[in-house]
Protein backbone atom coordinates (compact mmCIF):
# COMPACT_ATOMS: atom_id res chain seq x y z
CA MET A 1 -103.33 -16.60 119.42
CA ASN A 2 -106.74 -17.04 121.03
CA GLU A 3 -109.30 -15.70 118.95
CA ASN A 4 -110.93 -14.14 122.10
CA GLU A 5 -107.77 -12.13 122.70
CA PRO A 6 -107.93 -8.72 121.30
CA HIS A 7 -105.75 -7.85 118.25
CA ASP A 8 -102.85 -5.39 118.73
CA HIS A 9 -103.48 -3.11 115.69
CA ASN A 10 -100.71 -0.90 116.75
CA ASN A 11 -98.12 -3.71 115.78
CA ILE A 12 -99.34 -4.18 112.17
CA THR A 13 -97.07 -2.48 109.75
CA ALA A 14 -97.93 -1.11 106.28
CA ASP A 15 -96.09 -3.95 104.73
CA ASP A 16 -98.26 -6.39 106.74
CA ARG A 17 -101.31 -4.74 105.35
CA HIS A 18 -99.96 -4.46 101.85
CA PRO A 19 -97.60 -7.43 101.43
CA ASN A 20 -96.81 -6.65 97.71
CA SER A 21 -95.54 -3.05 98.55
CA THR A 22 -92.02 -4.12 99.51
CA SER A 23 -91.43 -5.96 96.25
CA GLU A 24 -92.94 -3.00 94.36
CA LYS A 25 -90.46 -0.71 96.02
CA LYS A 26 -87.56 -3.09 95.33
CA LYS A 27 -88.58 -3.22 91.78
CA LYS A 28 -88.78 0.53 91.46
CA SER A 29 -85.61 0.92 93.06
CA ARG A 30 -83.90 -1.57 90.76
CA LYS A 31 -85.35 0.34 87.80
CA ARG A 32 -84.02 3.55 88.96
CA ILE A 33 -80.52 2.00 89.41
CA LYS A 34 -80.75 0.45 86.00
CA ARG A 35 -81.79 3.81 84.46
CA LEU A 36 -78.93 5.50 86.32
CA ALA A 37 -76.55 2.92 85.19
CA ASN A 38 -77.72 3.22 81.55
CA HIS A 39 -77.34 7.00 81.92
CA CYS A 40 -73.81 6.71 83.17
CA ASN A 41 -72.89 4.33 80.42
CA ARG A 42 -74.20 6.77 77.73
CA SER A 43 -72.33 9.60 79.37
CA ARG A 44 -69.21 7.56 79.39
CA ILE A 45 -69.70 6.73 75.70
CA VAL A 46 -70.38 10.42 74.87
CA LEU A 47 -67.29 11.37 76.75
CA PHE A 48 -65.26 8.78 75.04
CA LEU A 49 -66.46 9.77 71.55
CA LEU A 50 -65.77 13.51 72.40
CA PHE A 51 -62.20 12.47 73.46
CA VAL A 52 -61.68 10.49 70.21
CA GLY A 53 -62.99 13.34 68.29
CA MET A 54 -60.63 15.84 69.87
CA ILE A 55 -57.67 13.49 69.31
CA ALA A 56 -58.59 13.04 65.67
CA ALA A 57 -58.98 16.89 65.24
CA VAL A 58 -55.64 17.46 66.78
CA VAL A 59 -53.97 14.89 64.50
CA LEU A 60 -55.67 16.37 61.35
CA ILE A 61 -54.67 19.89 62.38
CA ALA A 62 -51.14 18.70 62.84
CA ILE A 63 -51.01 16.94 59.45
CA PHE A 64 -52.43 20.07 57.82
CA LEU A 65 -49.92 22.35 59.42
CA LYS A 66 -47.11 19.99 58.44
CA ASN A 67 -48.26 20.05 54.78
CA ASN A 68 -48.93 23.82 54.98
CA PRO A 69 -46.30 25.32 57.00
CA SER A 70 -46.87 28.84 55.54
CA ILE A 71 -50.42 28.91 56.43
CA PHE A 72 -49.87 31.70 59.14
CA ILE A 73 -47.32 33.46 56.98
CA ARG A 74 -49.41 35.94 54.99
CA PRO A 75 -47.89 36.57 51.53
CA GLN A 76 -47.44 40.41 51.22
CA CYS A 77 -47.62 40.43 47.42
CA ARG A 78 -51.23 39.77 46.71
CA ALA A 79 -52.61 41.76 43.69
CA SER A 80 -49.09 43.18 43.11
CA TYR A 81 -46.88 42.76 40.16
CA GLY A 82 -43.24 43.72 39.27
CA ALA A 83 -40.55 45.09 41.54
CA ALA A 84 -42.87 45.52 44.57
CA SER A 85 -43.99 41.92 44.29
CA LEU A 86 -40.44 40.82 43.78
CA ASN A 87 -39.34 42.52 47.15
CA SER A 88 -42.26 41.03 48.88
CA THR A 89 -41.41 37.57 47.52
CA PHE A 90 -37.95 37.84 49.17
CA SER A 91 -39.59 38.89 52.37
CA THR A 92 -41.96 35.97 52.45
CA LEU A 93 -39.22 33.64 51.39
CA GLY A 94 -37.12 34.69 54.18
CA GLN A 95 -39.93 33.98 56.67
CA LEU A 96 -40.43 30.56 55.09
CA GLU A 97 -36.89 29.67 55.45
CA THR A 98 -36.20 30.92 58.88
CA GLY A 99 -39.71 30.33 60.47
CA LEU A 100 -39.84 34.00 61.60
CA ASN A 101 -43.07 35.65 60.90
CA TYR A 102 -41.52 39.19 60.61
CA ASP A 103 -38.57 40.97 59.08
CA SER A 104 -35.72 41.82 61.42
CA ASN A 105 -31.94 41.88 61.30
CA SER A 106 -31.76 38.80 63.50
CA GLU A 107 -32.91 36.49 60.65
CA TYR A 108 -29.66 37.15 58.80
CA ARG A 109 -27.81 35.40 61.72
CA ILE A 110 -29.87 32.36 61.89
CA VAL A 111 -27.97 29.05 61.38
CA SER A 112 -29.85 25.73 61.13
CA PRO A 113 -28.70 22.38 62.61
CA LEU A 114 -27.38 21.54 59.20
CA GLY A 115 -25.36 24.69 58.83
CA LEU A 116 -27.76 26.33 56.50
CA THR A 117 -27.09 30.11 56.98
CA GLY A 118 -28.88 33.47 57.06
CA LYS A 119 -32.33 34.73 56.02
CA TYR A 120 -32.39 32.46 53.11
CA GLN A 121 -30.64 29.55 54.62
CA PHE A 122 -27.95 29.44 52.02
CA SER A 123 -25.77 26.24 51.72
CA GLU A 124 -22.14 26.08 50.94
CA GLN A 125 -22.92 24.75 47.48
CA GLU A 126 -25.20 27.69 46.63
CA LEU A 127 -22.61 30.26 47.60
CA LYS A 128 -19.89 28.29 45.71
CA ASP A 129 -22.07 28.31 42.57
CA LEU A 130 -22.67 32.04 43.04
CA GLY A 131 -18.86 32.74 43.44
CA TYR A 132 -18.96 33.76 47.10
CA TYR A 133 -17.32 30.78 48.56
CA ILE A 134 -14.55 28.04 47.91
CA PRO A 135 -15.10 24.89 49.87
CA LYS A 136 -11.98 23.40 51.63
CA ASP A 137 -10.69 20.43 49.49
CA ASN A 138 -13.96 20.85 47.38
CA ILE A 139 -15.80 19.03 50.36
CA TYR A 140 -19.08 20.64 51.20
CA TYR A 141 -22.69 19.39 52.25
CA ASN A 142 -23.88 16.43 50.08
CA ASN A 143 -20.35 16.27 48.53
CA GLY A 144 -18.45 14.46 51.18
CA SER A 145 -19.78 16.25 54.08
CA ASP A 146 -22.85 15.55 56.35
CA LYS A 147 -23.61 19.35 56.96
CA ASN A 148 -22.43 22.79 56.06
CA TYR A 149 -19.26 23.39 58.14
CA TRP A 150 -18.09 26.45 56.32
CA LEU A 151 -14.37 25.38 56.49
CA GLY A 152 -13.54 27.08 53.16
CA THR A 153 -12.70 30.61 52.29
CA PHE A 154 -14.81 33.48 51.06
CA THR A 155 -13.60 35.27 47.87
CA GLY A 156 -14.49 38.67 48.73
CA LYS A 157 -17.13 39.11 46.21
CA ASN A 158 -19.37 42.11 46.95
CA GLY A 159 -17.26 42.78 49.93
CA CYS A 160 -17.91 39.55 51.73
CA ASN A 161 -14.48 38.27 52.94
CA SER A 162 -15.49 35.81 55.68
CA TYR A 163 -18.39 33.79 57.15
CA GLN A 164 -18.83 36.31 59.66
CA ASP A 165 -19.33 39.01 57.06
CA PHE A 166 -21.99 36.95 55.56
CA LEU A 167 -23.76 36.38 58.82
CA ASP A 168 -23.59 40.00 59.52
CA ASN A 169 -25.08 40.61 56.08
CA LYS A 170 -22.26 43.11 55.34
CA PHE A 171 -23.01 45.35 52.37
CA ASP A 172 -26.35 43.52 52.01
CA VAL A 173 -24.59 40.47 50.80
CA GLN A 174 -27.31 38.12 51.59
CA GLU A 175 -29.93 40.18 49.79
CA ILE A 176 -27.72 40.52 46.77
CA ALA A 177 -26.84 36.68 46.77
CA ILE A 178 -30.56 35.68 46.73
CA ARG A 179 -31.32 38.00 43.66
CA GLU A 180 -28.18 36.66 41.94
CA GLU A 181 -29.51 33.16 42.59
CA PHE A 182 -32.91 33.93 41.10
CA GLN A 183 -31.00 35.32 38.02
CA MET A 184 -28.88 32.11 37.86
CA ASP A 185 -31.72 29.75 38.38
CA LEU A 186 -33.67 31.39 35.53
CA LYS A 187 -30.91 30.45 33.13
CA ILE A 188 -30.63 26.99 34.59
CA LEU A 189 -34.36 26.43 34.40
CA ASN A 190 -34.56 27.55 30.68
CA ASN A 191 -31.64 25.23 29.78
CA SER A 192 -33.03 22.31 31.68
CA LEU A 193 -36.67 22.34 30.25
CA PRO A 194 -37.34 20.23 27.11
CA PRO A 195 -37.01 22.06 23.72
CA ASN A 196 -40.75 22.24 23.30
CA LYS A 197 -41.24 23.85 26.77
CA SER A 198 -40.37 27.12 28.37
CA LEU A 199 -41.19 28.83 31.65
CA THR A 200 -44.03 30.68 30.12
CA SER A 201 -45.70 27.27 29.39
CA PHE A 202 -46.31 26.85 33.18
CA LEU A 203 -46.89 30.41 34.26
CA ASP A 204 -50.30 31.87 35.32
CA LYS A 205 -52.26 28.56 35.12
CA PRO A 206 -52.94 25.61 37.45
CA LEU A 207 -50.71 22.58 37.74
CA ARG A 208 -51.47 19.10 39.19
CA PHE A 209 -48.74 17.11 40.70
CA THR A 210 -49.63 13.35 40.80
CA GLY A 211 -46.69 12.06 42.98
CA GLY A 212 -43.57 12.73 44.88
CA CYS A 213 -42.81 13.77 48.53
CA ASN A 214 -45.74 14.47 50.65
CA ILE A 215 -48.27 13.91 47.86
CA ASN A 216 -51.55 12.17 48.64
CA LEU A 217 -53.00 9.61 46.28
CA GLY A 218 -55.33 12.15 44.75
CA GLY A 219 -52.32 14.46 43.94
CA VAL A 220 -51.95 18.07 44.69
CA MET A 221 -53.21 20.92 42.62
CA VAL A 222 -51.37 24.11 42.61
CA ALA A 223 -53.99 26.88 41.64
CA ASN A 224 -51.64 29.26 39.99
CA VAL A 225 -47.93 28.76 39.12
CA THR A 226 -45.94 32.08 39.16
CA MET A 227 -42.39 33.17 38.49
CA ALA A 228 -42.09 33.80 42.21
CA GLY A 229 -43.24 30.14 43.03
CA ILE A 230 -40.86 28.65 40.48
CA LEU A 231 -37.87 30.58 41.51
CA ALA A 232 -38.59 30.26 45.33
CA SER A 233 -38.89 26.28 44.65
CA ALA A 234 -35.56 26.52 42.84
CA HIS A 235 -33.98 27.90 45.91
CA LEU A 236 -35.63 25.08 47.96
CA ILE A 237 -34.69 22.01 45.89
CA GLY A 238 -32.39 23.38 42.97
CA ALA A 239 -33.33 24.68 39.49
CA THR A 240 -32.70 21.30 37.70
CA ASP A 241 -35.02 19.51 39.97
CA VAL A 242 -37.76 22.12 39.62
CA ALA A 243 -37.62 21.93 35.83
CA ARG A 244 -37.80 18.07 35.95
CA ALA A 245 -40.83 18.32 38.43
CA LEU A 246 -42.73 20.78 36.28
CA THR A 247 -42.59 18.52 33.19
CA SER A 248 -43.14 15.14 35.14
CA GLY A 249 -45.68 16.18 37.71
CA ILE A 250 -43.59 14.53 40.45
CA ALA A 251 -42.79 16.96 43.22
CA PRO A 252 -39.65 16.40 45.28
CA CYS A 253 -38.75 17.72 48.86
CA ASP A 254 -35.72 19.34 50.23
CA VAL A 255 -33.63 18.01 53.13
CA THR A 256 -36.19 19.32 55.67
CA ASN A 257 -39.06 17.22 53.90
CA THR A 258 -40.66 20.45 52.70
CA SER A 259 -42.35 19.89 49.39
CA MET A 260 -41.91 21.98 46.21
CA THR A 261 -45.72 22.28 46.08
CA THR A 262 -45.63 24.17 49.38
CA TYR A 263 -43.52 26.91 47.98
CA LEU A 264 -45.44 26.99 44.62
CA THR A 265 -48.72 27.55 46.70
CA SER A 266 -47.19 30.11 49.05
CA PHE A 267 -46.11 32.25 46.13
CA ASN A 268 -49.16 31.81 43.74
CA GLY A 269 -50.37 35.44 44.38
CA CYS A 270 -46.79 36.92 43.67
CA ASP A 271 -45.73 37.73 40.12
CA PHE A 272 -42.78 39.43 38.39
CA SER A 273 -40.78 39.04 35.27
CA ALA A 274 -37.16 38.06 34.52
CA GLU A 275 -36.43 41.67 33.77
CA ASP A 276 -37.52 42.58 37.27
CA VAL A 277 -34.93 40.11 38.70
CA ALA A 278 -32.17 41.50 36.40
CA LYS A 279 -33.00 45.08 37.37
CA ALA A 280 -33.01 44.05 41.20
CA VAL A 281 -29.45 42.54 40.81
CA ASN A 282 -28.05 45.54 38.95
CA SER A 283 -29.68 47.94 41.52
CA PHE A 284 -27.98 46.10 44.56
CA ASN A 285 -24.74 45.72 42.63
CA ASN A 286 -24.56 49.37 41.87
CA SER A 287 -25.44 50.29 45.38
CA THR A 288 -22.70 47.95 46.66
CA VAL A 289 -20.03 49.41 44.34
CA SER A 290 -21.06 52.92 45.63
CA GLY A 291 -20.85 51.70 49.29
CA ASN A 292 -17.42 50.22 48.81
CA SER A 293 -15.96 53.11 46.98
């Protein structure tokens, strides 16, 4: 351009006047993008951690509920003793066995996939031992059979002449049977404990289990062992196994993988005596005789 020619100031841009401004803008733009990217990365990390935390919480809750299936079943015998506590024990036991959180006639007709029957999920062997049932060819669950098929015959004890009678809880037969089982299990427990031990050796005190089914490395402490907890556990796994567990500190499970400690804990606020059990059996038996006469 000739130096004598006039300059066209209108064609000079801001960038021409300030050549460093473009690079400055680019730098600022890159910084904003970088900050935004960092912010997004942090947000992703936070969301990921929240997701992991939620999964961990769900898993922990699932494990807790598995180990404490009775957490939402409120024992009705808190601060009670005697006959009232015994009756509440049966109510809570029925809820634990059937999974129903209320008392109704429908619980008497519940049959599990293994054929366990009624409010208290009786097996063929239990009713055989109580004199209500004679298995066909002496075959029953865990004794030549893979479940309770109920192919045998009922003896007519307490007016129960058939499996249908038992399902219908005719003459309160299921309620009588569980009370008779408690009485029977008391005798078995006392005969199964070592000579230097009795049930009173374990009652109304804490007991730690150091091993067994569903027992963590640190063990499980049952805060208060009661007659209700011991007899409910005997219904769960058998009186002989309960006696062995009390003395060894090794807690077994039943066929559904429910630990004995679950039942001991569920009934640690319920309490009654052996005499209360005997009175309950006699009371039901007398009412049944009156009803059949």
